[in-house]
Amino acid sequence: MGQSRQNTEAKAKLTEAINMWLETLKESNVGDKKSRINKKVTALFYACLAETYLWINEFDKATHYANLAINADVMKFKNHGKRLISLIANQKLRYNANY
């Protein structure tokens, strides 16, 4: 994110979303299919966290959550996590070259 006012506001909103997902993940119960935050929802949150961290240029955290999505054993988010790993590496190279 650049230095403009809009980007600062966007980063604040994304950080708010991150905090909400992290708080909700405390209820995660991957062993119970009927749980509100079951294995699929947990994997979804990991993928969302990875993408959100990517867009605020926190690449290490993005990679961490992408790996958690891959290892969550939900095929849809496993594939998405693998694509994110590639995107994160590419964005990190571009970011480091320009900032």
N, C-alpha and C. Protein backbone atom coordinates (compact mmCIF):
# COMPACT_ATOMS: atom_id res chain seq x y z
N MET A 1 0.83 -1.17 0.00
CA MET A 1 0.00 0.00 0.00
C MET A 1 0.88 1.23 0.00
N GLY A 2 0.47 2.21 -0.72
CA GLY A 2 1.21 3.46 -0.82
C GLY A 2 0.96 4.36 0.37
N GLN A 3 1.26 5.62 0.20
CA GLN A 3 1.15 6.57 1.29
C GLN A 3 -0.12 7.42 1.24
N SER A 4 -0.98 7.22 0.26
CA SER A 4 -2.15 8.06 0.12
C SER A 4 -3.15 7.81 1.25
N ARG A 5 -4.01 8.78 1.43
CA ARG A 5 -5.00 8.72 2.49
C ARG A 5 -5.93 7.52 2.31
N GLN A 6 -6.36 7.25 1.07
CA GLN A 6 -7.27 6.13 0.84
C GLN A 6 -6.64 4.80 1.24
N ASN A 7 -5.35 4.64 0.97
CA ASN A 7 -4.69 3.38 1.33
C ASN A 7 -4.61 3.21 2.83
N THR A 8 -4.42 4.28 3.56
CA THR A 8 -4.38 4.20 5.01
C THR A 8 -5.74 3.76 5.55
N GLU A 9 -6.78 4.32 4.98
CA GLU A 9 -8.13 3.93 5.40
C GLU A 9 -8.41 2.47 5.03
N ALA A 10 -7.97 2.06 3.87
CA ALA A 10 -8.17 0.67 3.44
C ALA A 10 -7.42 -0.29 4.37
N LYS A 11 -6.19 0.07 4.72
CA LYS A 11 -5.40 -0.78 5.60
C LYS A 11 -6.08 -0.91 6.96
N ALA A 12 -6.66 0.18 7.44
CA ALA A 12 -7.37 0.14 8.73
C ALA A 12 -8.57 -0.80 8.65
N LYS A 13 -9.32 -0.75 7.56
CA LYS A 13 -10.48 -1.64 7.39
C LYS A 13 -10.05 -3.10 7.27
N LEU A 14 -8.96 -3.33 6.54
CA LEU A 14 -8.46 -4.70 6.40
C LEU A 14 -7.96 -5.23 7.74
N THR A 15 -7.31 -4.39 8.51
CA THR A 15 -6.83 -4.79 9.84
C THR A 15 -8.00 -5.12 10.75
N GLU A 16 -9.08 -4.36 10.63
CA GLU A 16 -10.29 -4.63 11.40
C GLU A 16 -10.86 -6.00 11.04
N ALA A 17 -10.88 -6.32 9.75
CA ALA A 17 -11.36 -7.63 9.30
C ALA A 17 -10.47 -8.75 9.83
N ILE A 18 -9.16 -8.53 9.78
CA ILE A 18 -8.21 -9.53 10.29
C ILE A 18 -8.50 -9.82 11.76
N ASN A 19 -8.67 -8.77 12.55
CA ASN A 19 -8.93 -8.96 13.98
C ASN A 19 -10.24 -9.71 14.22
N MET A 20 -11.26 -9.44 13.40
CA MET A 20 -12.53 -10.14 13.52
C MET A 20 -12.35 -11.64 13.23
N TRP A 21 -11.63 -11.96 12.13
CA TRP A 21 -11.42 -13.37 11.78
C TRP A 21 -10.59 -14.08 12.84
N LEU A 22 -9.56 -13.42 13.36
CA LEU A 22 -8.73 -14.05 14.39
C LEU A 22 -9.54 -14.32 15.66
N GLU A 23 -10.41 -13.39 16.02
CA GLU A 23 -11.26 -13.58 17.20
C GLU A 23 -12.23 -14.74 16.98
N THR A 24 -12.82 -14.82 15.80
CA THR A 24 -13.77 -15.88 15.49
C THR A 24 -13.07 -17.24 15.42
N LEU A 25 -11.82 -17.26 14.98
CA LEU A 25 -11.08 -18.53 14.90
C LEU A 25 -10.88 -19.17 16.27
N LYS A 26 -11.01 -18.40 17.34
CA LYS A 26 -10.88 -18.97 18.69
C LYS A 26 -11.99 -19.98 18.97
N GLU A 27 -13.10 -19.88 18.22
CA GLU A 27 -14.23 -20.81 18.38
C GLU A 27 -14.08 -22.04 17.49
N SER A 28 -13.01 -22.14 16.74
CA SER A 28 -12.84 -23.22 15.77
C SER A 28 -12.88 -24.59 16.45
N ASN A 29 -13.67 -25.48 15.84
CA ASN A 29 -13.76 -26.86 16.30
C ASN A 29 -13.76 -27.74 15.05
N VAL A 30 -12.56 -28.07 14.57
CA VAL A 30 -12.44 -28.79 13.30
C VAL A 30 -12.91 -30.23 13.39
N GLY A 31 -13.08 -30.76 14.57
CA GLY A 31 -13.50 -32.15 14.72
C GLY A 31 -15.01 -32.34 14.68
N ASP A 32 -15.77 -31.26 14.76
CA ASP A 32 -17.23 -31.34 14.81
C ASP A 32 -17.82 -30.71 13.55
N LYS A 33 -18.42 -31.54 12.68
CA LYS A 33 -18.98 -31.04 11.43
C LYS A 33 -20.15 -30.08 11.65
N LYS A 34 -20.82 -30.19 12.78
CA LYS A 34 -21.99 -29.35 13.05
C LYS A 34 -21.62 -28.07 13.82
N SER A 35 -20.36 -27.94 14.14
CA SER A 35 -19.90 -26.74 14.84
C SER A 35 -20.05 -25.52 13.95
N ARG A 36 -20.29 -24.36 14.57
CA ARG A 36 -20.43 -23.12 13.80
C ARG A 36 -19.15 -22.82 13.02
N ILE A 37 -18.01 -23.01 13.66
CA ILE A 37 -16.71 -22.79 13.01
C ILE A 37 -16.06 -24.16 12.85
N ASN A 38 -16.51 -24.90 11.84
CA ASN A 38 -16.00 -26.25 11.60
C ASN A 38 -14.75 -26.20 10.71
N LYS A 39 -14.36 -27.35 10.21
CA LYS A 39 -13.14 -27.45 9.41
C LYS A 39 -13.20 -26.58 8.15
N LYS A 40 -14.32 -26.58 7.47
CA LYS A 40 -14.44 -25.81 6.23
C LYS A 40 -14.40 -24.30 6.49
N VAL A 41 -15.08 -23.86 7.53
CA VAL A 41 -15.09 -22.43 7.86
C VAL A 41 -13.70 -22.01 8.34
N THR A 42 -13.04 -22.85 9.09
CA THR A 42 -11.69 -22.55 9.56
C THR A 42 -10.74 -22.40 8.36
N ALA A 43 -10.83 -23.30 7.41
CA ALA A 43 -10.00 -23.22 6.21
C ALA A 43 -10.30 -21.95 5.42
N LEU A 44 -11.59 -21.59 5.33
CA LEU A 44 -11.99 -20.36 4.66
C LEU A 44 -11.35 -19.15 5.34
N PHE A 45 -11.41 -19.10 6.65
CA PHE A 45 -10.81 -17.97 7.38
C PHE A 45 -9.31 -17.92 7.16
N TYR A 46 -8.64 -19.07 7.13
CA TYR A 46 -7.20 -19.08 6.87
C TYR A 46 -6.90 -18.48 5.49
N ALA A 47 -7.71 -18.85 4.49
CA ALA A 47 -7.51 -18.31 3.14
C ALA A 47 -7.78 -16.81 3.12
N CYS A 48 -8.82 -16.38 3.79
CA CYS A 48 -9.13 -14.94 3.86
C CYS A 48 -8.01 -14.17 4.55
N LEU A 49 -7.50 -14.72 5.63
CA LEU A 49 -6.40 -14.07 6.34
C LEU A 49 -5.16 -13.98 5.45
N ALA A 50 -4.87 -15.05 4.73
CA ALA A 50 -3.70 -15.03 3.84
C ALA A 50 -3.84 -13.94 2.79
N GLU A 51 -5.01 -13.86 2.16
CA GLU A 51 -5.21 -12.83 1.13
C GLU A 51 -5.15 -11.43 1.72
N THR A 52 -5.76 -11.25 2.87
CA THR A 52 -5.78 -9.92 3.48
C THR A 52 -4.38 -9.48 3.88
N TYR A 53 -3.62 -10.37 4.49
CA TYR A 53 -2.24 -10.03 4.83
C TYR A 53 -1.43 -9.73 3.57
N LEU A 54 -1.71 -10.43 2.49
CA LEU A 54 -1.03 -10.15 1.22
C LEU A 54 -1.27 -8.71 0.80
N TRP A 55 -2.52 -8.26 0.87
CA TRP A 55 -2.85 -6.92 0.37
C TRP A 55 -2.38 -5.80 1.29
N ILE A 56 -2.00 -6.13 2.53
CA ILE A 56 -1.39 -5.09 3.37
C ILE A 56 0.13 -5.30 3.47
N ASN A 57 0.65 -6.12 2.57
CA ASN A 57 2.09 -6.34 2.41
C ASN A 57 2.77 -6.96 3.63
N GLU A 58 2.06 -7.81 4.33
CA GLU A 58 2.66 -8.59 5.42
C GLU A 58 2.81 -10.02 4.89
N PHE A 59 3.87 -10.19 4.11
CA PHE A 59 4.04 -11.41 3.33
C PHE A 59 4.32 -12.65 4.17
N ASP A 60 5.02 -12.50 5.29
CA ASP A 60 5.31 -13.67 6.13
C ASP A 60 4.02 -14.22 6.76
N LYS A 61 3.18 -13.31 7.24
CA LYS A 61 1.90 -13.75 7.81
C LYS A 61 1.00 -14.32 6.72
N ALA A 62 1.04 -13.73 5.54
CA ALA A 62 0.23 -14.23 4.42
C ALA A 62 0.65 -15.66 4.08
N THR A 63 1.95 -15.91 4.03
CA THR A 63 2.45 -17.25 3.75
C THR A 63 2.04 -18.23 4.84
N HIS A 64 2.13 -17.78 6.08
CA HIS A 64 1.75 -18.63 7.22
C HIS A 64 0.29 -19.10 7.09
N TYR A 65 -0.62 -18.15 6.84
CA TYR A 65 -2.03 -18.52 6.75
C TYR A 65 -2.36 -19.27 5.47
N ALA A 66 -1.64 -19.02 4.41
CA ALA A 66 -1.83 -19.80 3.18
C ALA A 66 -1.43 -21.26 3.44
N ASN A 67 -0.34 -21.46 4.17
CA ASN A 67 0.08 -22.83 4.52
C ASN A 67 -0.94 -23.50 5.44
N LEU A 68 -1.53 -22.75 6.37
CA LEU A 68 -2.57 -23.32 7.22
C LEU A 68 -3.79 -23.73 6.39
N ALA A 69 -4.14 -22.91 5.39
CA ALA A 69 -5.26 -23.26 4.50
C ALA A 69 -4.95 -24.53 3.72
N ILE A 70 -3.71 -24.64 3.25
CA ILE A 70 -3.30 -25.84 2.51
C ILE A 70 -3.40 -27.08 3.39
N ASN A 71 -2.97 -26.95 4.64
CA ASN A 71 -2.93 -28.10 5.55
C ASN A 71 -4.25 -28.36 6.26
N ALA A 72 -5.27 -27.56 6.00
CA ALA A 72 -6.56 -27.73 6.68
C ALA A 72 -7.35 -28.91 6.13
N ASP A 73 -6.88 -29.53 5.06
CA ASP A 73 -7.49 -30.73 4.50
C ASP A 73 -8.90 -30.48 3.95
N VAL A 74 -9.09 -29.29 3.35
CA VAL A 74 -10.32 -28.99 2.61
C VAL A 74 -9.86 -28.65 1.21
N MET A 75 -10.18 -29.51 0.24
CA MET A 75 -9.60 -29.42 -1.10
C MET A 75 -9.73 -28.04 -1.73
N LYS A 76 -10.90 -27.43 -1.61
CA LYS A 76 -11.12 -26.11 -2.22
C LYS A 76 -10.10 -25.08 -1.72
N PHE A 77 -9.86 -25.08 -0.43
CA PHE A 77 -8.95 -24.10 0.15
C PHE A 77 -7.49 -24.54 0.07
N LYS A 78 -7.28 -25.84 -0.07
CA LYS A 78 -5.94 -26.35 -0.31
C LYS A 78 -5.43 -25.83 -1.66
N ASN A 79 -6.26 -25.94 -2.68
CA ASN A 79 -5.89 -25.45 -4.01
C ASN A 79 -5.74 -23.93 -4.01
N HIS A 80 -6.64 -23.24 -3.33
CA HIS A 80 -6.56 -21.79 -3.26
C HIS A 80 -5.29 -21.36 -2.53
N GLY A 81 -4.95 -22.06 -1.47
CA GLY A 81 -3.72 -21.76 -0.72
C GLY A 81 -2.48 -21.93 -1.57
N LYS A 82 -2.47 -22.96 -2.40
CA LYS A 82 -1.32 -23.18 -3.29
C LYS A 82 -1.17 -22.04 -4.29
N ARG A 83 -2.31 -21.58 -4.82
CA ARG A 83 -2.25 -20.43 -5.74
C ARG A 83 -1.79 -19.18 -5.01
N LEU A 84 -2.23 -19.02 -3.77
CA LEU A 84 -1.82 -17.85 -2.99
C LEU A 84 -0.32 -17.84 -2.71
N ILE A 85 0.26 -19.00 -2.44
CA ILE A 85 1.70 -19.08 -2.18
C ILE A 85 2.47 -18.50 -3.37
N SER A 86 2.06 -18.85 -4.57
CA SER A 86 2.70 -18.34 -5.78
C SER A 86 2.50 -16.83 -5.91
N LEU A 87 1.28 -16.38 -5.66
CA LEU A 87 0.98 -14.95 -5.75
C LEU A 87 1.75 -14.15 -4.70
N ILE A 88 1.85 -14.68 -3.50
CA ILE A 88 2.58 -14.01 -2.42
C ILE A 88 4.04 -13.84 -2.80
N ALA A 89 4.65 -14.90 -3.31
CA ALA A 89 6.06 -14.83 -3.71
C ALA A 89 6.27 -13.77 -4.79
N ASN A 90 5.37 -13.73 -5.76
CA ASN A 90 5.45 -12.75 -6.84
C ASN A 90 5.28 -11.32 -6.30
N GLN A 91 4.27 -11.11 -5.47
CA GLN A 91 4.03 -9.78 -4.91
C GLN A 91 5.19 -9.32 -4.03
N LYS A 92 5.76 -10.25 -3.28
CA LYS A 92 6.88 -9.91 -2.40
C LYS A 92 8.08 -9.44 -3.22
N LEU A 93 8.36 -10.13 -4.31
CA LEU A 93 9.46 -9.71 -5.19
C LEU A 93 9.21 -8.31 -5.75
N ARG A 94 7.99 -8.07 -6.22
CA ARG A 94 7.65 -6.76 -6.77
C ARG A 94 7.73 -5.68 -5.71
N TYR A 95 7.22 -5.97 -4.53
CA TYR A 95 7.22 -5.00 -3.44
C TYR A 95 8.65 -4.63 -3.05
N ASN A 96 9.49 -5.66 -2.89
CA ASN A 96 10.89 -5.42 -2.50
C ASN A 96 11.65 -4.66 -3.57
N ALA A 97 11.30 -4.85 -4.82
CA ALA A 97 11.99 -4.16 -5.91
C ALA A 97 11.60 -2.68 -5.97
N ASN A 98 10.42 -2.36 -5.49
CA ASN A 98 9.92 -0.99 -5.65
C ASN A 98 9.83 -0.18 -4.37
N TYR A 99 9.97 -0.80 -3.22
CA TYR A 99 9.84 -0.04 -1.96
C TYR A 99 11.02 -0.26 -1.08
